[in-house]
């Protein structure tokens, strides 16, 4: 394993797997959000990724054919370790990513911005992320706007979880308050 994990990784993975959302058909409401952020931020790629133990799987994607990648090359793994939007303005100039196969090869990532998808205060399931093939700046207003859209995605995921396992999610109403 060549990547860092969250302090609450076991709990995070249990919550994520409890959603029974991996490899499911995309959610039309989440697809709309993904398309909207790609258009709003004028990026060729926008993704809703869920980070599992060994992979990141794309619940929704714009501009990328792949349905998943290995976690050890996932920029989103960094996003789930923090509470704020994670930004890499130029991946080729960033030591953490300069040798990443997703930077050196297809899709040739140069810019990345990811907002964590919270399921409660401490659980980060994945990210809503933007990718570009050229370096970019991403200011405070951009960060705030992406974080708001990630909250919308988290709400849809929370609702899916509530529909999948009502009893488990009834107990997590306080978590929903943290998502909002």
Protein backbone atom coordinates (compact mmCIF):
# COMPACT_ATOMS: atom_id res chain seq x y z
CA UNK A 1 0.00 0.00 0.00
CA UNK A 2 1.56 3.29 -1.14
CA UNK A 3 -1.10 5.68 0.07
CA UNK A 4 -2.21 7.18 3.36
CA UNK A 5 -5.48 6.17 4.98
CA UNK A 6 -7.85 8.04 7.26
CA UNK A 7 -7.71 7.49 11.03
CA UNK A 8 -11.21 6.05 10.82
CA UNK A 9 -10.56 3.99 7.67
CA UNK A 10 -12.33 0.88 8.98
CA UNK A 11 -15.47 2.85 9.88
CA UNK A 12 -15.27 4.79 6.60
CA UNK A 13 -15.12 1.58 4.55
CA UNK A 14 -17.95 -0.03 6.52
CA UNK A 15 -20.17 2.98 5.89
CA UNK A 16 -19.22 3.07 2.22
CA UNK A 17 -19.87 -0.62 1.67
CA UNK A 18 -23.11 -0.43 3.62
CA UNK A 19 -24.46 1.90 0.94
CA UNK A 20 -24.41 -0.98 -1.58
CA UNK A 21 -23.65 1.57 -4.26
CA UNK A 22 -20.47 0.18 -5.89
CA UNK A 23 -20.87 -0.89 -9.51
CA UNK A 24 -24.51 0.26 -9.48
CA UNK A 25 -26.03 2.24 -12.33
CA UNK A 26 -25.40 5.96 -12.09
CA UNK A 27 -27.89 8.18 -10.31
CA UNK A 28 -29.50 10.66 -12.77
CA UNK A 29 -29.53 13.46 -10.16
CA UNK A 30 -25.84 13.00 -9.43
CA UNK A 31 -25.12 12.85 -13.16
CA UNK A 32 -26.79 16.25 -13.56
CA UNK A 33 -24.60 17.74 -10.83
CA UNK A 34 -21.50 16.23 -12.42
CA UNK A 35 -22.36 17.66 -15.85
CA UNK A 36 -23.20 21.04 -14.31
CA UNK A 37 -19.87 21.36 -12.49
CA UNK A 38 -17.95 20.34 -15.61
CA UNK A 39 -19.72 23.08 -17.54
CA UNK A 40 -19.56 25.67 -14.74
CA UNK A 41 -15.81 25.26 -14.22
CA UNK A 42 -15.08 24.64 -17.92
CA UNK A 43 -13.16 21.40 -17.32
CA UNK A 44 -13.05 18.40 -19.64
CA UNK A 45 -13.44 15.91 -16.77
CA UNK A 46 -15.67 15.90 -13.70
CA UNK A 47 -16.12 12.87 -11.47
CA UNK A 48 -17.96 11.67 -8.42
CA UNK A 49 -15.57 9.11 -6.99
CA UNK A 50 -15.99 6.72 -4.10
CA UNK A 51 -12.74 5.52 -2.55
CA UNK A 52 -12.75 1.86 -1.52
CA UNK A 53 -9.88 -0.09 0.06
CA UNK A 54 -8.02 -0.68 -3.21
CA UNK A 55 -9.80 1.35 -5.86
CA UNK A 56 -11.69 4.48 -6.59
CA UNK A 57 -14.91 3.87 -8.46
CA UNK A 58 -16.73 6.59 -10.38
CA UNK A 59 -20.38 6.88 -9.45
CA UNK A 60 -20.70 9.57 -12.11
CA UNK A 61 -18.30 10.76 -14.77
CA UNK A 62 -18.05 13.34 -17.50
CA UNK A 63 -15.22 13.21 -20.02
CA UNK A 64 -13.64 9.95 -18.84
CA UNK A 65 -14.37 6.44 -20.09
CA UNK A 66 -12.74 4.56 -17.20
CA UNK A 67 -15.14 3.36 -14.51
CA UNK A 68 -12.45 3.09 -11.84
CA UNK A 69 -8.73 3.38 -11.08
CA UNK A 70 -6.42 1.86 -8.52
CA UNK A 71 -6.44 3.75 -5.25
CA UNK A 72 -2.67 4.11 -5.23
CA UNK A 73 -2.83 6.54 -8.17
CA UNK A 74 -6.01 8.32 -7.03
CA UNK A 75 -5.80 12.05 -6.40
CA UNK A 76 -9.10 11.61 -4.55
CA UNK A 77 -7.31 9.63 -1.86
CA UNK A 78 -5.76 12.94 -0.77
CA UNK A 79 -9.17 14.60 -0.81
CA UNK A 80 -10.67 12.12 1.65
CA UNK A 81 -7.92 12.86 4.17
CA UNK A 82 -8.93 16.50 4.64
CA UNK A 83 -12.02 18.52 5.47
CA UNK A 84 -11.49 21.10 2.75
CA UNK A 85 -11.26 21.19 -1.02
CA UNK A 86 -7.95 19.69 -2.14
CA UNK A 87 -6.33 21.47 -5.10
CA UNK A 88 -3.34 20.63 -7.27
CA UNK A 89 -2.77 23.55 -9.63
CA UNK A 90 -0.09 21.81 -11.70
CA UNK A 91 0.34 18.08 -11.10
CA UNK A 92 3.45 17.90 -13.29
CA UNK A 93 5.19 20.37 -10.95
CA UNK A 94 3.96 18.71 -7.73
CA UNK A 95 6.32 16.10 -6.27
CA UNK A 96 3.41 13.99 -5.00
CA UNK A 97 2.02 13.58 -8.52
CA UNK A 98 4.73 14.32 -11.08
CA UNK A 99 5.40 10.58 -11.67
CA UNK A 100 1.76 9.47 -11.40
CA UNK A 101 0.70 7.45 -14.48
CA UNK A 102 -2.47 9.58 -14.74
CA UNK A 103 -0.26 12.66 -15.11
CA UNK A 104 2.30 11.08 -17.46
CA UNK A 105 -0.35 9.30 -19.54
CA UNK A 106 -4.05 9.35 -20.31
CA UNK A 107 -5.95 11.41 -19.08
CA UNK A 108 -2.84 13.65 -18.65
CA UNK A 109 -3.98 15.33 -15.44
CA UNK A 110 -2.41 18.71 -14.80
CA UNK A 111 -5.10 20.34 -12.64
CA UNK A 112 -7.18 18.65 -9.95
CA UNK A 113 -9.69 20.05 -7.46
CA UNK A 114 -11.66 17.71 -5.23
CA UNK A 115 -14.26 18.38 -2.55
CA UNK A 116 -14.83 15.60 -0.02
CA UNK A 117 -18.16 13.81 0.07
CA UNK A 118 -19.10 13.67 3.73
CA UNK A 119 -21.34 11.08 5.32
CA UNK A 120 -21.44 12.64 8.72
CA UNK A 121 -18.84 14.83 10.30
CA UNK A 122 -15.90 12.42 10.17
CA UNK A 123 -16.65 10.08 7.29
CA UNK A 124 -15.40 11.05 3.84
CA UNK A 125 -16.60 8.58 1.21
CA UNK A 126 -14.96 10.08 -1.85
CA UNK A 127 -15.00 13.30 -3.78
CA UNK A 128 -16.61 15.49 -6.37
CA UNK A 129 -13.62 16.42 -8.47
CA UNK A 130 -12.61 18.50 -11.45
CA UNK A 131 -9.74 17.59 -13.76
CA UNK A 132 -8.08 19.57 -16.53
CA UNK A 133 -5.22 18.83 -18.90
CA UNK A 134 -3.70 22.24 -18.28
CA UNK A 135 -2.59 23.95 -15.06
CA UNK A 136 -5.11 26.34 -13.51
CA UNK A 137 -5.72 28.60 -10.57
CA UNK A 138 -8.63 27.84 -8.24
CA UNK A 139 -9.61 30.64 -5.89
CA UNK A 140 -11.61 30.74 -2.65
CA UNK A 141 -14.93 31.37 -4.43
CA UNK A 142 -14.29 28.37 -6.69
CA UNK A 143 -13.47 26.21 -3.68
CA UNK A 144 -16.66 27.28 -1.90
CA UNK A 145 -18.79 26.60 -4.99
CA UNK A 146 -17.30 23.13 -5.47
CA UNK A 147 -17.82 22.34 -1.77
CA UNK A 148 -21.50 23.33 -2.05
CA UNK A 149 -21.96 21.01 -5.04
CA UNK A 150 -20.26 18.21 -3.12
CA UNK A 151 -22.79 18.73 -0.31
CA UNK A 152 -25.56 18.21 -2.86
CA UNK A 153 -23.95 14.95 -4.02
CA UNK A 154 -23.52 13.83 -0.40
CA UNK A 155 -27.22 14.47 0.18
CA UNK A 156 -28.15 12.21 -2.74
CA UNK A 157 -25.81 9.49 -1.50
CA UNK A 158 -27.25 9.83 2.01
CA UNK A 159 -30.76 9.47 0.60
CA UNK A 160 -29.68 6.37 -1.33
CA UNK A 161 -28.27 4.90 1.88
CA UNK A 162 -31.46 5.67 3.76
CA UNK A 163 -33.48 3.89 1.07
CA UNK A 164 -31.09 0.91 1.08
CA UNK A 165 -30.85 0.37 4.84
CA UNK A 166 -33.44 2.50 6.58
CA UNK A 167 -32.70 1.21 10.09
CA UNK A 168 -29.00 2.05 9.89
CA UNK A 169 -29.64 5.53 8.56
CA UNK A 170 -32.42 6.46 10.96
CA UNK A 171 -29.77 6.49 13.66
CA UNK A 172 -27.62 8.83 11.59
CA UNK A 173 -29.92 11.86 11.43
CA UNK A 174 -27.23 13.82 13.26
CA UNK A 175 -24.82 12.83 10.48
CA UNK A 176 -27.23 14.29 7.93
CA UNK A 177 -27.21 17.55 9.85
CA UNK A 178 -23.42 17.55 9.55
CA UNK A 179 -23.67 16.99 5.78
CA UNK A 180 -26.00 19.95 5.32
